[in-house]
């Protein structure tokens, strides 16, 4: 299973715009906030793995 990393670019009501950080891309992905951790804010870093989003661990 692949792991992808995102940054929350903006939050608009019940949706958030995510930008991939592990690859070069200017595309944004619109994701329902219900699928994201409740503590997200703009600038939060997320990990997508096993069909779930979680806050990226700070090493």
PDB file of N, CA and C in Angstrom:
ATOM      1  N   UNK A   1       0.848  -1.179   0.000  1.00  0.00           N
ATOM      2  CA  UNK A   1       0.000   0.000   0.000  1.00  0.00           C
ATOM      3  C   UNK A   1       0.889   1.235   0.000  1.00  0.00           C
ATOM      4  N   UNK A   2       0.560   2.178  -0.858  1.00  0.00           N
ATOM      5  CA  UNK A   2       1.334   3.415  -0.944  1.00  0.00           C
ATOM      6  C   UNK A   2       0.940   4.394   0.147  1.00  0.00           C
ATOM      7  N   UNK A   3       1.865   5.284   0.461  1.00  0.00           N
ATOM      8  CA  UNK A   3       1.625   6.361   1.410  1.00  0.00           C
ATOM      9  C   UNK A   3       1.840   7.676   0.684  1.00  0.00           C
ATOM     10  N   UNK A   4       0.903   8.612   0.841  1.00  0.00           N
ATOM     11  CA  UNK A   4       1.013   9.933   0.227  1.00  0.00           C
ATOM     12  C   UNK A   4       0.964  10.987   1.315  1.00  0.00           C
ATOM     13  N   UNK A   5       1.610  12.118   1.062  1.00  0.00           N
ATOM     14  CA  UNK A   5       1.654  13.207   2.023  1.00  0.00           C
ATOM     15  C   UNK A   5       1.039  14.463   1.417  1.00  0.00           C
ATOM     16  N   UNK A   6       0.296  15.188   2.248  1.00  0.00           N
ATOM     17  CA  UNK A   6      -0.433  16.378   1.812  1.00  0.00           C
ATOM     18  C   UNK A   6      -0.246  17.508   2.808  1.00  0.00           C
ATOM     19  N   UNK A   7      -0.485  18.722   2.321  1.00  0.00           N
ATOM     20  CA  UNK A   7      -0.581  19.904   3.175  1.00  0.00           C
ATOM     21  C   UNK A   7      -1.955  20.513   2.963  1.00  0.00           C
ATOM     22  N   UNK A   8      -2.583  20.942   4.054  1.00  0.00           N
ATOM     23  CA  UNK A   8      -3.882  21.607   3.956  1.00  0.00           C
ATOM     24  C   UNK A   8      -3.621  23.035   3.476  1.00  0.00           C
ATOM     25  N   UNK A   9      -4.083  23.351   2.268  1.00  0.00           N
ATOM     26  CA  UNK A   9      -3.868  24.669   1.680  1.00  0.00           C
ATOM     27  C   UNK A   9      -4.944  25.641   2.141  1.00  0.00           C
ATOM     28  N   UNK A  10      -6.193  25.179   2.157  1.00  0.00           N
ATOM     29  CA  UNK A  10      -7.294  26.038   2.591  1.00  0.00           C
ATOM     30  C   UNK A  10      -8.450  25.182   3.075  1.00  0.00           C
ATOM     31  N   UNK A  11      -9.270  25.805   3.911  1.00  0.00           N
ATOM     32  CA  UNK A  11     -10.473  25.151   4.415  1.00  0.00           C
ATOM     33  C   UNK A  11     -11.650  26.027   4.027  1.00  0.00           C
ATOM     34  N   UNK A  12     -12.647  25.406   3.394  1.00  0.00           N
ATOM     35  CA  UNK A  12     -13.826  26.131   2.940  1.00  0.00           C
ATOM     36  C   UNK A  12     -15.066  25.372   3.399  1.00  0.00           C
ATOM     37  N   UNK A  13     -15.576  25.746   4.566  1.00  0.00           N
ATOM     38  CA  UNK A  13     -16.766  25.083   5.095  1.00  0.00           C
ATOM     39  C   UNK A  13     -16.492  23.629   5.424  1.00  0.00           C
ATOM     40  N   UNK A  14     -17.221  22.733   4.781  1.00  0.00           N
ATOM     41  CA  UNK A  14     -17.103  21.299   5.047  1.00  0.00           C
ATOM     42  C   UNK A  14     -16.038  20.615   4.208  1.00  0.00           C
ATOM     43  N   UNK A  15     -15.228  21.379   3.495  1.00  0.00           N
ATOM     44  CA  UNK A  15     -14.212  20.812   2.605  1.00  0.00           C
ATOM     45  C   UNK A  15     -12.855  21.454   2.848  1.00  0.00           C
ATOM     46  N   UNK A  16     -11.814  20.723   2.495  1.00  0.00           N
ATOM     47  CA  UNK A  16     -10.453  21.238   2.580  1.00  0.00           C
ATOM     48  C   UNK A  16      -9.748  20.957   1.264  1.00  0.00           C
ATOM     49  N   UNK A  17      -8.902  21.880   0.848  1.00  0.00           N
ATOM     50  CA  UNK A  17      -8.074  21.712  -0.341  1.00  0.00           C
ATOM     51  C   UNK A  17      -6.702  21.221   0.104  1.00  0.00           C
ATOM     52  N   UNK A  18      -6.298  20.069  -0.432  1.00  0.00           N
ATOM     53  CA  UNK A  18      -5.020  19.471  -0.080  1.00  0.00           C
ATOM     54  C   UNK A  18      -4.081  19.488  -1.269  1.00  0.00           C
ATOM     55  N   UNK A  19      -2.792  19.704  -0.977  1.00  0.00           N
ATOM     56  CA  UNK A  19      -1.754  19.706  -2.015  1.00  0.00           C
ATOM     57  C   UNK A  19      -0.744  18.632  -1.664  1.00  0.00           C
ATOM     58  N   UNK A  20      -0.413  17.785  -2.646  1.00  0.00           N
ATOM     59  CA  UNK A  20       0.596  16.743  -2.434  1.00  0.00           C
ATOM     60  C   UNK A  20       1.938  17.386  -2.151  1.00  0.00           C
ATOM     61  N   UNK A  21       2.656  16.838  -1.181  1.00  0.00           N
ATOM     62  CA  UNK A  21       3.980  17.357  -0.849  1.00  0.00           C
ATOM     63  C   UNK A  21       5.089  16.358  -1.159  1.00  0.00           C
ATOM     64  N   UNK A  22       4.717  15.125  -1.488  1.00  0.00           N
ATOM     65  CA  UNK A  22       5.728  14.108  -1.759  1.00  0.00           C
ATOM     66  C   UNK A  22       6.044  13.981  -3.250  1.00  0.00           C
ATOM     67  N   UNK A  23       5.410  14.815  -4.071  1.00  0.00           N
ATOM     68  CA  UNK A  23       5.655  14.808  -5.508  1.00  0.00           C
ATOM     69  C   UNK A  23       5.382  16.210  -6.055  1.00  0.00           C
ATOM     70  N   UNK A  24       5.982  16.542  -7.185  1.00  0.00           N
ATOM     71  CA  UNK A  24       5.752  17.844  -7.820  1.00  0.00           C
ATOM     72  C   UNK A  24       4.367  17.882  -8.436  1.00  0.00           C
ATOM     73  N   UNK A  25       3.512  18.736  -7.916  1.00  0.00           N
ATOM     74  CA  UNK A  25       2.169  18.877  -8.466  1.00  0.00           C
ATOM     75  C   UNK A  25       1.564  20.177  -7.982  1.00  0.00           C
ATOM     76  N   UNK A  26       0.902  20.882  -8.881  1.00  0.00           N
ATOM     77  CA  UNK A  26       0.184  22.095  -8.513  1.00  0.00           C
ATOM     78  C   UNK A  26      -1.301  21.822  -8.322  1.00  0.00           C
ATOM     79  N   UNK A  27      -1.710  20.573  -8.548  1.00  0.00           N
ATOM     80  CA  UNK A  27      -3.118  20.210  -8.418  1.00  0.00           C
ATOM     81  C   UNK A  27      -3.539  20.178  -6.954  1.00  0.00           C
ATOM     82  N   UNK A  28      -4.772  20.600  -6.706  1.00  0.00           N
ATOM     83  CA  UNK A  28      -5.348  20.526  -5.369  1.00  0.00           C
ATOM     84  C   UNK A  28      -6.405  19.441  -5.353  1.00  0.00           C
ATOM     85  N   UNK A  29      -6.533  18.788  -4.219  1.00  0.00           N
ATOM     86  CA  UNK A  29      -7.523  17.724  -4.040  1.00  0.00           C
ATOM     87  C   UNK A  29      -8.548  18.226  -3.030  1.00  0.00           C
ATOM     88  N   UNK A  30      -9.815  18.235  -3.415  1.00  0.00           N
ATOM     89  CA  UNK A  30     -10.896  18.670  -2.539  1.00  0.00           C
ATOM     90  C   UNK A  30     -11.392  17.461  -1.750  1.00  0.00           C
ATOM     91  N   UNK A  31     -11.321  17.549  -0.419  1.00  0.00           N
ATOM     92  CA  UNK A  31     -11.672  16.426   0.445  1.00  0.00           C
ATOM     93  C   UNK A  31     -12.654  16.905   1.510  1.00  0.00           C
ATOM     94  N   UNK A  32     -13.678  16.103   1.759  1.00  0.00           N
ATOM     95  CA  UNK A  32     -14.643  16.419   2.815  1.00  0.00           C
ATOM     96  C   UNK A  32     -13.937  16.391   4.169  1.00  0.00           C
ATOM     97  N   UNK A  33     -14.211  17.389   5.001  1.00  0.00           N
ATOM     98  CA  UNK A  33     -13.564  17.464   6.309  1.00  0.00           C
ATOM     99  C   UNK A  33     -13.935  16.284   7.194  1.00  0.00           C
ATOM    100  N   UNK A  34     -15.072  15.669   6.944  1.00  0.00           N
ATOM    101  CA  UNK A  34     -15.479  14.505   7.733  1.00  0.00           C
ATOM    102  C   UNK A  34     -14.481  13.352   7.580  1.00  0.00           C
ATOM    103  N   UNK A  35     -13.711  13.349   6.492  1.00  0.00           N
ATOM    104  CA  UNK A  35     -12.716  12.297   6.256  1.00  0.00           C
ATOM    105  C   UNK A  35     -11.350  12.640   6.842  1.00  0.00           C
ATOM    106  N   UNK A  36     -11.206  13.858   7.353  1.00  0.00           N
ATOM    107  CA  UNK A  36      -9.922  14.354   7.847  1.00  0.00           C
ATOM    108  C   UNK A  36      -9.919  14.427   9.367  1.00  0.00           C
ATOM    109  N   UNK A  37      -8.732  14.428   9.995  1.00  0.00           N
ATOM    110  CA  UNK A  37      -8.673  14.583  11.445  1.00  0.00           C
ATOM    111  C   UNK A  37      -9.323  15.912  11.860  1.00  0.00           C
ATOM    112  N   UNK A  38     -10.067  15.925  12.962  1.00  0.00           N
ATOM    113  CA  UNK A  38     -10.787  17.150  13.358  1.00  0.00           C
ATOM    114  C   UNK A  38      -9.886  18.316  13.729  1.00  0.00           C
ATOM    115  N   UNK A  39      -8.636  18.065  14.086  1.00  0.00           N
ATOM    116  CA  UNK A  39      -7.743  19.132  14.538  1.00  0.00           C
ATOM    117  C   UNK A  39      -6.987  19.836  13.413  1.00  0.00           C
ATOM    118  N   UNK A  40      -7.322  19.555  12.155  1.00  0.00           N
ATOM    119  CA  UNK A  40      -6.587  20.190  11.056  1.00  0.00           C
ATOM    120  C   UNK A  40      -6.829  21.688  11.022  1.00  0.00           C
ATOM    121  N   UNK A  41      -5.858  22.395  10.470  1.00  0.00           N
ATOM    122  CA  UNK A  41      -5.974  23.822  10.177  1.00  0.00           C
ATOM    123  C   UNK A  41      -5.141  24.063   8.927  1.00  0.00           C
ATOM    124  N   UNK A  42      -5.229  25.262   8.373  1.00  0.00           N
ATOM    125  CA  UNK A  42      -4.422  25.563   7.191  1.00  0.00           C
ATOM    126  C   UNK A  42      -2.951  25.399   7.550  1.00  0.00           C
ATOM    127  N   UNK A  43      -2.230  24.689   6.696  1.00  0.00           N
ATOM    128  CA  UNK A  43      -0.817  24.426   6.941  1.00  0.00           C
ATOM    129  C   UNK A  43      -0.547  23.078   7.595  1.00  0.00           C
ATOM    130  N   UNK A  44      -1.591  22.405   8.073  1.00  0.00           N
ATOM    131  CA  UNK A  44      -1.408  21.075   8.670  1.00  0.00           C
ATOM    132  C   UNK A  44      -0.853  20.108   7.631  1.00  0.00           C
ATOM    133  N   UNK A  45      -0.028  19.179   8.098  1.00  0.00           N
ATOM    134  CA  UNK A  45       0.533  18.173   7.214  1.00  0.00           C
ATOM    135  C   UNK A  45      -0.128  16.848   7.527  1.00  0.00           C
ATOM    136  N   UNK A  46      -0.569  16.181   6.453  1.00  0.00           N
ATOM    137  CA  UNK A  46      -1.319  14.940   6.593  1.00  0.00           C
ATOM    138  C   UNK A  46      -0.641  13.792   5.870  1.00  0.00           C
ATOM    139  N   UNK A  47      -0.909  12.606   6.367  1.00  0.00           N
ATOM    140  CA  UNK A  47      -0.446  11.374   5.726  1.00  0.00           C
ATOM    141  C   UNK A  47      -1.689  10.601   5.308  1.00  0.00           C
ATOM    142  N   UNK A  48      -1.701  10.093   4.064  1.00  0.00           N
ATOM    143  CA  UNK A  48      -2.795   9.262   3.566  1.00  0.00           C
ATOM    144  C   UNK A  48      -2.253   7.860   3.363  1.00  0.00           C
ATOM    145  N   UNK A  49      -2.806   6.927   4.140  1.00  0.00           N
ATOM    146  CA  UNK A  49      -2.318   5.559   4.100  1.00  0.00           C
ATOM    147  C   UNK A  49      -3.466   4.635   4.494  1.00  0.00           C
ATOM    148  N   UNK A  50      -3.612   3.524   3.810  1.00  0.00           N
ATOM    149  CA  UNK A  50      -4.679   2.563   4.077  1.00  0.00           C
ATOM    150  C   UNK A  50      -6.055   3.228   4.052  1.00  0.00           C
ATOM    151  N   UNK A  51      -6.242   4.114   3.073  1.00  0.00           N
ATOM    152  CA  UNK A  51      -7.516   4.803   2.840  1.00  0.00           C
ATOM    153  C   UNK A  51      -7.955   5.679   4.012  1.00  0.00           C
ATOM    154  N   UNK A  52      -6.982   6.192   4.801  1.00  0.00           N
ATOM    155  CA  UNK A  52      -7.279   7.073   5.920  1.00  0.00           C
ATOM    156  C   UNK A  52      -6.276   8.210   5.961  1.00  0.00           C
ATOM    157  N   UNK A  53      -6.768   9.382   6.373  1.00  0.00           N
ATOM    158  CA  UNK A  53      -5.911  10.542   6.580  1.00  0.00           C
ATOM    159  C   UNK A  53      -5.572  10.634   8.064  1.00  0.00           C
ATOM    160  N   UNK A  54      -4.331  10.956   8.373  1.00  0.00           N
ATOM    161  CA  UNK A  54      -3.917  11.189   9.751  1.00  0.00           C
ATOM    162  C   UNK A  54      -2.910  12.331   9.771  1.00  0.00           C
ATOM    163  N   UNK A  55      -2.723  12.920  10.942  1.00  0.00           N
ATOM    164  CA  UNK A  55      -1.736  13.976  11.078  1.00  0.00           C
ATOM    165  C   UNK A  55      -0.361  13.353  10.866  1.00  0.00           C
ATOM    166  N   UNK A  56       0.500  14.051  10.130  1.00  0.00           N
ATOM    167  CA  UNK A  56       1.840  13.545   9.857  1.00  0.00           C
ATOM    168  C   UNK A  56       2.655  13.593  11.144  1.00  0.00           C
ATOM    169  N   UNK A  57       3.339  12.503  11.444  1.00  0.00           N
ATOM    170  CA  UNK A  57       4.184  12.434  12.634  1.00  0.00           C
ATOM    171  C   UNK A  57       5.350  13.389  12.471  1.00  0.00           C
ATOM    172  N   UNK A  58       5.678  14.081  13.558  1.00  0.00           N
ATOM    173  CA  UNK A  58       6.835  14.973  13.546  1.00  0.00           C
ATOM    174  C   UNK A  58       8.011  14.189  14.131  1.00  0.00           C
ATOM    175  N   UNK A  59       9.001  13.921  13.308  1.00  0.00           N
ATOM    176  CA  UNK A  59      10.174  13.156  13.789  1.00  0.00           C
ATOM    177  C   UNK A  59      11.234  14.079  14.307  1.00  0.00           C
TER     178      UNK A  59
END
